[in-house]
């Protein structure tokens, strides 16, 4: 019953992927996955947002100068987060 290898990190990864795509869309295709430090910082904020979403309906992921001096901010609702991870709940 269920995936025994599924853990919090899987949910973090979904949030990181969402943010990477969102950043790309907002910044003319810039790919921050080429920058390990930017990805680490993003993952930390995504983990924090995931914890916030366990008790709140909305969380904001904000990072100053995330990649090439560009600030990044996105609000994510619990419903959107659940949508991103929907296949894990099946």
PDB file of N, CA and C in Angstrom:
ATOM      1  N   UNK A   1       0.853  -1.199   0.000  1.00  0.00           N
ATOM      2  CA  UNK A   1       0.000   0.000   0.000  1.00  0.00           C
ATOM      3  C   UNK A   1       0.876   1.232   0.000  1.00  0.00           C
ATOM      4  N   UNK A   2       1.017   1.863  -1.141  1.00  0.00           N
ATOM      5  CA  UNK A   2       1.797   3.096  -1.221  1.00  0.00           C
ATOM      6  C   UNK A   2       3.258   2.863  -1.552  1.00  0.00           C
ATOM      7  N   UNK A   3       3.935   3.948  -1.828  1.00  0.00           N
ATOM      8  CA  UNK A   3       5.354   3.919  -2.187  1.00  0.00           C
ATOM      9  C   UNK A   3       6.179   4.042  -0.920  1.00  0.00           C
ATOM     10  N   UNK A   4       6.911   2.996  -0.570  1.00  0.00           N
ATOM     11  CA  UNK A   4       7.700   3.019   0.659  1.00  0.00           C
ATOM     12  C   UNK A   4       8.916   3.937   0.548  1.00  0.00           C
ATOM     13  N   UNK A   5       9.227   4.390  -0.665  1.00  0.00           N
ATOM     14  CA  UNK A   5      10.376   5.278  -0.849  1.00  0.00           C
ATOM     15  C   UNK A   5       9.970   6.743  -0.925  1.00  0.00           C
ATOM     16  N   UNK A   6       8.663   6.998  -0.867  1.00  0.00           N
ATOM     17  CA  UNK A   6       8.165   8.369  -0.946  1.00  0.00           C
ATOM     18  C   UNK A   6       8.439   9.081   0.373  1.00  0.00           C
ATOM     19  N   UNK A   7       9.007  10.282   0.293  1.00  0.00           N
ATOM     20  CA  UNK A   7       9.287  11.035   1.509  1.00  0.00           C
ATOM     21  C   UNK A   7       9.141  12.518   1.269  1.00  0.00           C
ATOM     22  N   UNK A   8       9.418  13.292   2.306  1.00  0.00           N
ATOM     23  CA  UNK A   8       9.291  14.742   2.226  1.00  0.00           C
ATOM     24  C   UNK A   8      10.106  15.350   1.102  1.00  0.00           C
ATOM     25  N   UNK A   9      11.238  14.712   0.806  1.00  0.00           N
ATOM     26  CA  UNK A   9      12.121  15.222  -0.242  1.00  0.00           C
ATOM     27  C   UNK A   9      11.444  15.197  -1.617  1.00  0.00           C
ATOM     28  N   UNK A  10      10.585  14.200  -1.834  1.00  0.00           N
ATOM     29  CA  UNK A  10       9.862  14.114  -3.108  1.00  0.00           C
ATOM     30  C   UNK A  10       8.950  15.326  -3.291  1.00  0.00           C
ATOM     31  N   UNK A  11       8.310  15.736  -2.197  1.00  0.00           N
ATOM     32  CA  UNK A  11       7.430  16.897  -2.243  1.00  0.00           C
ATOM     33  C   UNK A  11       8.249  18.175  -2.446  1.00  0.00           C
ATOM     34  N   UNK A  12       9.411  18.232  -1.785  1.00  0.00           N
ATOM     35  CA  UNK A  12      10.318  19.375  -1.976  1.00  0.00           C
ATOM     36  C   UNK A  12      10.726  19.480  -3.443  1.00  0.00           C
ATOM     37  N   UNK A  13      11.065  18.332  -4.039  1.00  0.00           N
ATOM     38  CA  UNK A  13      11.502  18.315  -5.438  1.00  0.00           C
ATOM     39  C   UNK A  13      10.435  18.873  -6.364  1.00  0.00           C
ATOM     40  N   UNK A  14       9.179  18.533  -6.107  1.00  0.00           N
ATOM     41  CA  UNK A  14       8.088  19.047  -6.932  1.00  0.00           C
ATOM     42  C   UNK A  14       8.015  20.562  -6.839  1.00  0.00           C
ATOM     43  N   UNK A  15       8.189  21.066  -5.628  1.00  0.00           N
ATOM     44  CA  UNK A  15       8.131  22.510  -5.410  1.00  0.00           C
ATOM     45  C   UNK A  15       9.322  23.195  -6.077  1.00  0.00           C
ATOM     46  N   UNK A  16      10.500  22.595  -5.980  1.00  0.00           N
ATOM     47  CA  UNK A  16      11.699  23.135  -6.627  1.00  0.00           C
ATOM     48  C   UNK A  16      11.500  23.169  -8.146  1.00  0.00           C
ATOM     49  N   UNK A  17      10.991  22.069  -8.717  1.00  0.00           N
ATOM     50  CA  UNK A  17      10.738  22.020 -10.167  1.00  0.00           C
ATOM     51  C   UNK A  17       9.771  23.120 -10.590  1.00  0.00           C
ATOM     52  N   UNK A  18       8.712  23.289  -9.803  1.00  0.00           N
ATOM     53  CA  UNK A  18       7.718  24.328 -10.087  1.00  0.00           C
ATOM     54  C   UNK A  18       8.382  25.708 -10.108  1.00  0.00           C
ATOM     55  N   UNK A  19       9.222  25.984  -9.103  1.00  0.00           N
ATOM     56  CA  UNK A  19       9.886  27.289  -8.997  1.00  0.00           C
ATOM     57  C   UNK A  19      10.889  27.507 -10.125  1.00  0.00           C
ATOM     58  N   UNK A  20      11.630  26.457 -10.483  1.00  0.00           N
ATOM     59  CA  UNK A  20      12.599  26.558 -11.581  1.00  0.00           C
ATOM     60  C   UNK A  20      11.872  26.952 -12.868  1.00  0.00           C
ATOM     61  N   UNK A  21      10.740  26.294 -13.133  1.00  0.00           N
ATOM     62  CA  UNK A  21       9.960  26.602 -14.340  1.00  0.00           C
ATOM     63  C   UNK A  21       9.359  28.002 -14.264  1.00  0.00           C
ATOM     64  N   UNK A  22       8.882  28.381 -13.079  1.00  0.00           N
ATOM     65  CA  UNK A  22       8.294  29.704 -12.874  1.00  0.00           C
ATOM     66  C   UNK A  22       9.347  30.795 -13.092  1.00  0.00           C
ATOM     67  N   UNK A  23      10.556  30.569 -12.539  1.00  0.00           N
ATOM     68  CA  UNK A  23      11.662  31.520 -12.702  1.00  0.00           C
ATOM     69  C   UNK A  23      12.010  31.667 -14.179  1.00  0.00           C
ATOM     70  N   UNK A  24      12.070  30.520 -14.869  1.00  0.00           N
ATOM     71  CA  UNK A  24      12.396  30.495 -16.297  1.00  0.00           C
ATOM     72  C   UNK A  24      11.368  31.308 -17.090  1.00  0.00           C
ATOM     73  N   UNK A  25      10.105  31.101 -16.753  1.00  0.00           N
ATOM     74  CA  UNK A  25       9.008  31.781 -17.452  1.00  0.00           C
ATOM     75  C   UNK A  25       9.058  33.299 -17.213  1.00  0.00           C
ATOM     76  N   UNK A  26       9.382  33.680 -15.993  1.00  0.00           N
ATOM     77  CA  UNK A  26       9.403  35.104 -15.636  1.00  0.00           C
ATOM     78  C   UNK A  26      10.665  35.823 -16.113  1.00  0.00           C
ATOM     79  N   UNK A  27      11.708  35.059 -16.440  1.00  0.00           N
ATOM     80  CA  UNK A  27      13.008  35.662 -16.772  1.00  0.00           C
ATOM     81  C   UNK A  27      13.565  35.173 -18.105  1.00  0.00           C
ATOM     82  N   UNK A  28      12.749  35.252 -19.123  1.00  0.00           N
ATOM     83  CA  UNK A  28      13.167  34.952 -20.493  1.00  0.00           C
ATOM     84  C   UNK A  28      14.001  33.677 -20.622  1.00  0.00           C
ATOM     85  N   UNK A  29      13.534  32.609 -20.020  1.00  0.00           N
ATOM     86  CA  UNK A  29      14.170  31.312 -20.207  1.00  0.00           C
ATOM     87  C   UNK A  29      15.448  31.065 -19.433  1.00  0.00           C
ATOM     88  N   UNK A  30      15.794  31.951 -18.486  1.00  0.00           N
ATOM     89  CA  UNK A  30      17.009  31.730 -17.688  1.00  0.00           C
ATOM     90  C   UNK A  30      16.883  30.440 -16.886  1.00  0.00           C
ATOM     91  N   UNK A  31      17.918  29.618 -16.950  1.00  0.00           N
ATOM     92  CA  UNK A  31      17.896  28.318 -16.287  1.00  0.00           C
ATOM     93  C   UNK A  31      18.792  28.333 -15.056  1.00  0.00           C
ATOM     94  N   UNK A  32      18.175  28.414 -13.883  1.00  0.00           N
ATOM     95  CA  UNK A  32      18.991  28.500 -12.671  1.00  0.00           C
ATOM     96  C   UNK A  32      19.517  27.139 -12.229  1.00  0.00           C
ATOM     97  N   UNK A  33      19.154  26.050 -12.925  1.00  0.00           N
ATOM     98  CA  UNK A  33      19.664  24.727 -12.545  1.00  0.00           C
ATOM     99  C   UNK A  33      21.159  24.583 -12.839  1.00  0.00           C
ATOM    100  N   UNK A  34      21.725  25.525 -13.581  1.00  0.00           N
ATOM    101  CA  UNK A  34      23.160  25.498 -13.859  1.00  0.00           C
ATOM    102  C   UNK A  34      23.961  26.041 -12.675  1.00  0.00           C
ATOM    103  N   UNK A  35      23.261  26.586 -11.668  1.00  0.00           N
ATOM    104  CA  UNK A  35      23.923  27.190 -10.523  1.00  0.00           C
ATOM    105  C   UNK A  35      23.571  26.416  -9.248  1.00  0.00           C
ATOM    106  N   UNK A  36      24.522  25.619  -8.760  1.00  0.00           N
ATOM    107  CA  UNK A  36      24.284  24.756  -7.596  1.00  0.00           C
ATOM    108  C   UNK A  36      23.883  25.556  -6.358  1.00  0.00           C
ATOM    109  N   UNK A  37      24.507  26.707  -6.152  1.00  0.00           N
ATOM    110  CA  UNK A  37      24.201  27.520  -4.974  1.00  0.00           C
ATOM    111  C   UNK A  37      22.773  28.052  -5.037  1.00  0.00           C
ATOM    112  N   UNK A  38      22.362  28.514  -6.202  1.00  0.00           N
ATOM    113  CA  UNK A  38      20.994  29.019  -6.373  1.00  0.00           C
ATOM    114  C   UNK A  38      19.989  27.902  -6.101  1.00  0.00           C
ATOM    115  N   UNK A  39      20.274  26.717  -6.600  1.00  0.00           N
ATOM    116  CA  UNK A  39      19.376  25.572  -6.379  1.00  0.00           C
ATOM    117  C   UNK A  39      19.294  25.192  -4.909  1.00  0.00           C
ATOM    118  N   UNK A  40      20.438  25.213  -4.220  1.00  0.00           N
ATOM    119  CA  UNK A  40      20.464  24.909  -2.785  1.00  0.00           C
ATOM    120  C   UNK A  40      19.614  25.904  -2.009  1.00  0.00           C
ATOM    121  N   UNK A  41      19.793  27.193  -2.323  1.00  0.00           N
ATOM    122  CA  UNK A  41      19.028  28.244  -1.642  1.00  0.00           C
ATOM    123  C   UNK A  41      17.534  28.091  -1.920  1.00  0.00           C
ATOM    124  N   UNK A  42      17.211  27.772  -3.165  1.00  0.00           N
ATOM    125  CA  UNK A  42      15.811  27.581  -3.544  1.00  0.00           C
ATOM    126  C   UNK A  42      15.215  26.386  -2.796  1.00  0.00           C
ATOM    127  N   UNK A  43      15.963  25.280  -2.743  1.00  0.00           N
ATOM    128  CA  UNK A  43      15.480  24.077  -2.052  1.00  0.00           C
ATOM    129  C   UNK A  43      15.187  24.372  -0.578  1.00  0.00           C
ATOM    130  N   UNK A  44      16.068  25.121   0.076  1.00  0.00           N
ATOM    131  CA  UNK A  44      15.862  25.475   1.481  1.00  0.00           C
ATOM    132  C   UNK A  44      14.550  26.229   1.667  1.00  0.00           C
ATOM    133  N   UNK A  45      14.287  27.184   0.777  1.00  0.00           N
ATOM    134  CA  UNK A  45      13.045  27.960   0.864  1.00  0.00           C
ATOM    135  C   UNK A  45      11.825  27.104   0.528  1.00  0.00           C
ATOM    136  N   UNK A  46      11.985  26.171  -0.388  1.00  0.00           N
ATOM    137  CA  UNK A  46      10.881  25.274  -0.745  1.00  0.00           C
ATOM    138  C   UNK A  46      10.532  24.354   0.424  1.00  0.00           C
ATOM    139  N   UNK A  47      11.554  23.872   1.132  1.00  0.00           N
ATOM    140  CA  UNK A  47      11.320  23.034   2.317  1.00  0.00           C
ATOM    141  C   UNK A  47      10.552  23.830   3.364  1.00  0.00           C
ATOM    142  N   UNK A  48      10.955  25.085   3.545  1.00  0.00           N
ATOM    143  CA  UNK A  48      10.287  25.964   4.510  1.00  0.00           C
ATOM    144  C   UNK A  48       8.829  26.195   4.106  1.00  0.00           C
ATOM    145  N   UNK A  49       8.608  26.424   2.813  1.00  0.00           N
ATOM    146  CA  UNK A  49       7.247  26.656   2.307  1.00  0.00           C
ATOM    147  C   UNK A  49       6.382  25.412   2.508  1.00  0.00           C
ATOM    148  N   UNK A  50       6.958  24.253   2.274  1.00  0.00           N
ATOM    149  CA  UNK A  50       6.216  22.990   2.463  1.00  0.00           C
ATOM    150  C   UNK A  50       5.750  22.865   3.913  1.00  0.00           C
ATOM    151  N   UNK A  51       6.635  23.178   4.850  1.00  0.00           N
ATOM    152  CA  UNK A  51       6.264  23.117   6.271  1.00  0.00           C
ATOM    153  C   UNK A  51       5.172  24.133   6.590  1.00  0.00           C
ATOM    154  N   UNK A  52       5.291  25.340   6.021  1.00  0.00           N
ATOM    155  CA  UNK A  52       4.279  26.378   6.225  1.00  0.00           C
ATOM    156  C   UNK A  52       2.926  25.912   5.707  1.00  0.00           C
ATOM    157  N   UNK A  53       2.929  25.266   4.545  1.00  0.00           N
ATOM    158  CA  UNK A  53       1.678  24.816   3.921  1.00  0.00           C
ATOM    159  C   UNK A  53       0.994  23.692   4.695  1.00  0.00           C
ATOM    160  N   UNK A  54       1.718  23.046   5.597  1.00  0.00           N
ATOM    161  CA  UNK A  54       1.075  21.997   6.393  1.00  0.00           C
ATOM    162  C   UNK A  54       0.122  22.604   7.421  1.00  0.00           C
ATOM    163  N   UNK A  55       0.322  23.894   7.740  1.00  0.00           N
ATOM    164  CA  UNK A  55      -0.556  24.536   8.725  1.00  0.00           C
ATOM    165  C   UNK A  55      -1.231  25.809   8.213  1.00  0.00           C
ATOM    166  N   UNK A  56      -0.873  26.262   7.014  1.00  0.00           N
ATOM    167  CA  UNK A  56      -1.467  27.470   6.434  1.00  0.00           C
ATOM    168  C   UNK A  56      -1.964  27.169   5.027  1.00  0.00           C
ATOM    169  N   UNK A  57      -2.806  28.057   4.503  1.00  0.00           N
ATOM    170  CA  UNK A  57      -3.338  27.830   3.158  1.00  0.00           C
ATOM    171  C   UNK A  57      -2.449  28.439   2.080  1.00  0.00           C
ATOM    172  N   UNK A  58      -1.457  29.255   2.493  1.00  0.00           N
ATOM    173  CA  UNK A  58      -0.587  29.903   1.510  1.00  0.00           C
ATOM    174  C   UNK A  58       0.817  30.083   2.077  1.00  0.00           C
ATOM    175  N   UNK A  59       1.794  30.030   1.195  1.00  0.00           N
ATOM    176  CA  UNK A  59       3.189  30.276   1.583  1.00  0.00           C
ATOM    177  C   UNK A  59       3.846  31.102   0.485  1.00  0.00           C
ATOM    178  N   UNK A  60       4.845  31.876   0.868  1.00  0.00           N
ATOM    179  CA  UNK A  60       5.588  32.669  -0.106  1.00  0.00           C
ATOM    180  C   UNK A  60       7.044  32.221  -0.096  1.00  0.00           C
ATOM    181  N   UNK A  61       7.561  32.016  -1.283  1.00  0.00           N
ATOM    182  CA  UNK A  61       8.971  31.665  -1.449  1.00  0.00           C
ATOM    183  C   UNK A  61       9.648  32.921  -1.973  1.00  0.00           C
ATOM    184  N   UNK A  62      10.591  33.462  -1.199  1.00  0.00           N
ATOM    185  CA  UNK A  62      11.265  34.708  -1.581  1.00  0.00           C
ATOM    186  C   UNK A  62      12.766  34.556  -1.432  1.00  0.00           C
ATOM    187  N   UNK A  63      13.486  34.931  -2.467  1.00  0.00           N
ATOM    188  CA  UNK A  63      14.944  34.890  -2.418  1.00  0.00           C
ATOM    189  C   UNK A  63      15.512  36.124  -3.102  1.00  0.00           C
ATOM    190  N   UNK A  64      16.324  36.866  -2.365  1.00  0.00           N
ATOM    191  CA  UNK A  64      17.001  38.027  -2.950  1.00  0.00           C
ATOM    192  C   UNK A  64      18.179  37.529  -3.769  1.00  0.00           C
ATOM    193  N   UNK A  65      18.355  38.125  -4.928  1.00  0.00           N
ATOM    194  CA  UNK A  65      19.493  37.820  -5.792  1.00  0.00           C
ATOM    195  C   UNK A  65      19.705  36.311  -5.955  1.00  0.00           C
ATOM    196  N   UNK A  66      18.653  35.634  -6.370  1.00  0.00           N
ATOM    197  CA  UNK A  66      18.720  34.177  -6.510  1.00  0.00           C
ATOM    198  C   UNK A  66      19.682  33.748  -7.607  1.00  0.00           C
ATOM    199  N   UNK A  67      19.595  34.411  -8.755  1.00  0.00           N
ATOM    200  CA  UNK A  67      20.388  33.991  -9.908  1.00  0.00           C
ATOM    201  C   UNK A  67      20.727  35.219 -10.740  1.00  0.00           C
ATOM    202  N   UNK A  68      22.014  35.426 -10.960  1.00  0.00           N
ATOM    203  CA  UNK A  68      22.495  36.577 -11.733  1.00  0.00           C
ATOM    204  C   UNK A  68      21.866  37.890 -11.266  1.00  0.00           C
ATOM    205  N   UNK A  69      21.791  38.046  -9.950  1.00  0.00           N
ATOM    206  CA  UNK A  69      21.297  39.290  -9.362  1.00  0.00           C
ATOM    207  C   UNK A  69      19.790  39.464  -9.405  1.00  0.00           C
ATOM    208  N   UNK A  70      19.067  38.462  -9.885  1.00  0.00           N
ATOM    209  CA  UNK A  70      17.609  38.580 -10.002  1.00  0.00           C
ATOM    210  C   UNK A  70      16.928  38.032  -8.752  1.00  0.00           C
ATOM    211  N   UNK A  71      16.074  38.869  -8.150  1.00  0.00           N
ATOM    212  CA  UNK A  71      15.282  38.434  -7.002  1.00  0.00           C
ATOM    213  C   UNK A  71      14.164  37.532  -7.501  1.00  0.00           C
ATOM    214  N   UNK A  72      13.738  36.615  -6.651  1.00  0.00           N
ATOM    215  CA  UNK A  72      12.647  35.719  -7.034  1.00  0.00           C
ATOM    216  C   UNK A  72      11.636  35.631  -5.907  1.00  0.00           C
ATOM    217  N   UNK A  73      10.379  35.687  -6.272  1.00  0.00           N
ATOM    218  CA  UNK A  73       9.311  35.570  -5.293  1.00  0.00           C
ATOM    219  C   UNK A  73       8.102  34.920  -5.949  1.00  0.00           C
ATOM    220  N   UNK A  74       7.498  33.989  -5.244  1.00  0.00           N
ATOM    221  CA  UNK A  74       6.261  33.369  -5.732  1.00  0.00           C
ATOM    222  C   UNK A  74       5.420  32.957  -4.525  1.00  0.00           C
ATOM    223  N   UNK A  75       4.122  33.187  -4.648  1.00  0.00           N
ATOM    224  CA  UNK A  75       3.194  32.725  -3.613  1.00  0.00           C
ATOM    225  C   UNK A  75       2.597  31.419  -4.105  1.00  0.00           C
ATOM    226  N   UNK A  76       2.475  30.468  -3.210  1.00  0.00           N
ATOM    227  CA  UNK A  76       1.873  29.187  -3.592  1.00  0.00           C
ATOM    228  C   UNK A  76       0.814  28.802  -2.565  1.00  0.00           C
ATOM    229  N   UNK A  77      -0.322  28.392  -3.060  1.00  0.00           N
ATOM    230  CA  UNK A  77      -1.411  27.987  -2.170  1.00  0.00           C
ATOM    231  C   UNK A  77      -1.267  26.502  -1.852  1.00  0.00           C
ATOM    232  N   UNK A  78      -1.888  26.084  -0.770  1.00  0.00           N
ATOM    233  CA  UNK A  78      -1.863  24.666  -0.427  1.00  0.00           C
ATOM    234  C   UNK A  78      -2.514  23.853  -1.550  1.00  0.00           C
ATOM    235  N   UNK A  79      -3.609  24.381  -2.123  1.00  0.00           N
ATOM    236  CA  UNK A  79      -4.309  23.682  -3.209  1.00  0.00           C
ATOM    237  C   UNK A  79      -3.383  23.469  -4.407  1.00  0.00           C
ATOM    238  N   UNK A  80      -2.606  24.490  -4.754  1.00  0.00           N
ATOM    239  CA  UNK A  80      -1.671  24.391  -5.887  1.00  0.00           C
ATOM    240  C   UNK A  80      -0.577  23.369  -5.578  1.00  0.00           C
ATOM    241  N   UNK A  81      -0.078  23.394  -4.345  1.00  0.00           N
ATOM    242  CA  UNK A  81       0.955  22.448  -3.924  1.00  0.00           C
ATOM    243  C   UNK A  81       0.417  21.016  -4.012  1.00  0.00           C
ATOM    244  N   UNK A  82      -0.818  20.816  -3.540  1.00  0.00           N
ATOM    245  CA  UNK A  82      -1.426  19.483  -3.601  1.00  0.00           C
ATOM    246  C   UNK A  82      -1.608  19.034  -5.049  1.00  0.00           C
ATOM    247  N   UNK A  83      -1.925  20.007  -5.923  1.00  0.00           N
ATOM    248  CA  UNK A  83      -2.065  19.730  -7.356  1.00  0.00           C
ATOM    249  C   UNK A  83      -0.723  19.248  -7.939  1.00  0.00           C
ATOM    250  N   UNK A  84       0.358  19.942  -7.567  1.00  0.00           N
ATOM    251  CA  UNK A  84       1.698  19.583  -8.053  1.00  0.00           C
ATOM    252  C   UNK A  84       2.083  18.164  -7.632  1.00  0.00           C
ATOM    253  N   UNK A  85       1.592  17.752  -6.471  1.00  0.00           N
ATOM    254  CA  UNK A  85       1.967  16.454  -5.904  1.00  0.00           C
ATOM    255  C   UNK A  85       0.843  15.429  -6.014  1.00  0.00           C
ATOM    256  N   UNK A  86      -0.182  15.730  -6.791  1.00  0.00           N
ATOM    257  CA  UNK A  86      -1.393  14.899  -6.855  1.00  0.00           C
ATOM    258  C   UNK A  86      -1.107  13.421  -7.095  1.00  0.00           C
ATOM    259  N   UNK A  87      -0.164  13.131  -7.988  1.00  0.00           N
ATOM    260  CA  UNK A  87       0.105  11.714  -8.293  1.00  0.00           C
ATOM    261  C   UNK A  87       0.677  10.955  -7.094  1.00  0.00           C
ATOM    262  N   UNK A  88       1.274  11.656  -6.140  1.00  0.00           N
ATOM    263  CA  UNK A  88       1.786  11.005  -4.930  1.00  0.00           C
ATOM    264  C   UNK A  88       0.650  10.579  -4.006  1.00  0.00           C
ATOM    265  N   UNK A  89      -0.494  11.249  -4.129  1.00  0.00           N
ATOM    266  CA  UNK A  89      -1.615  10.960  -3.231  1.00  0.00           C
ATOM    267  C   UNK A  89      -2.518   9.851  -3.764  1.00  0.00           C
ATOM    268  N   UNK A  90      -2.247   9.358  -4.956  1.00  0.00           N
ATOM    269  CA  UNK A  90      -3.101   8.313  -5.549  1.00  0.00           C
ATOM    270  C   UNK A  90      -2.728   6.941  -5.029  1.00  0.00           C
TER     271      UNK A  90
END
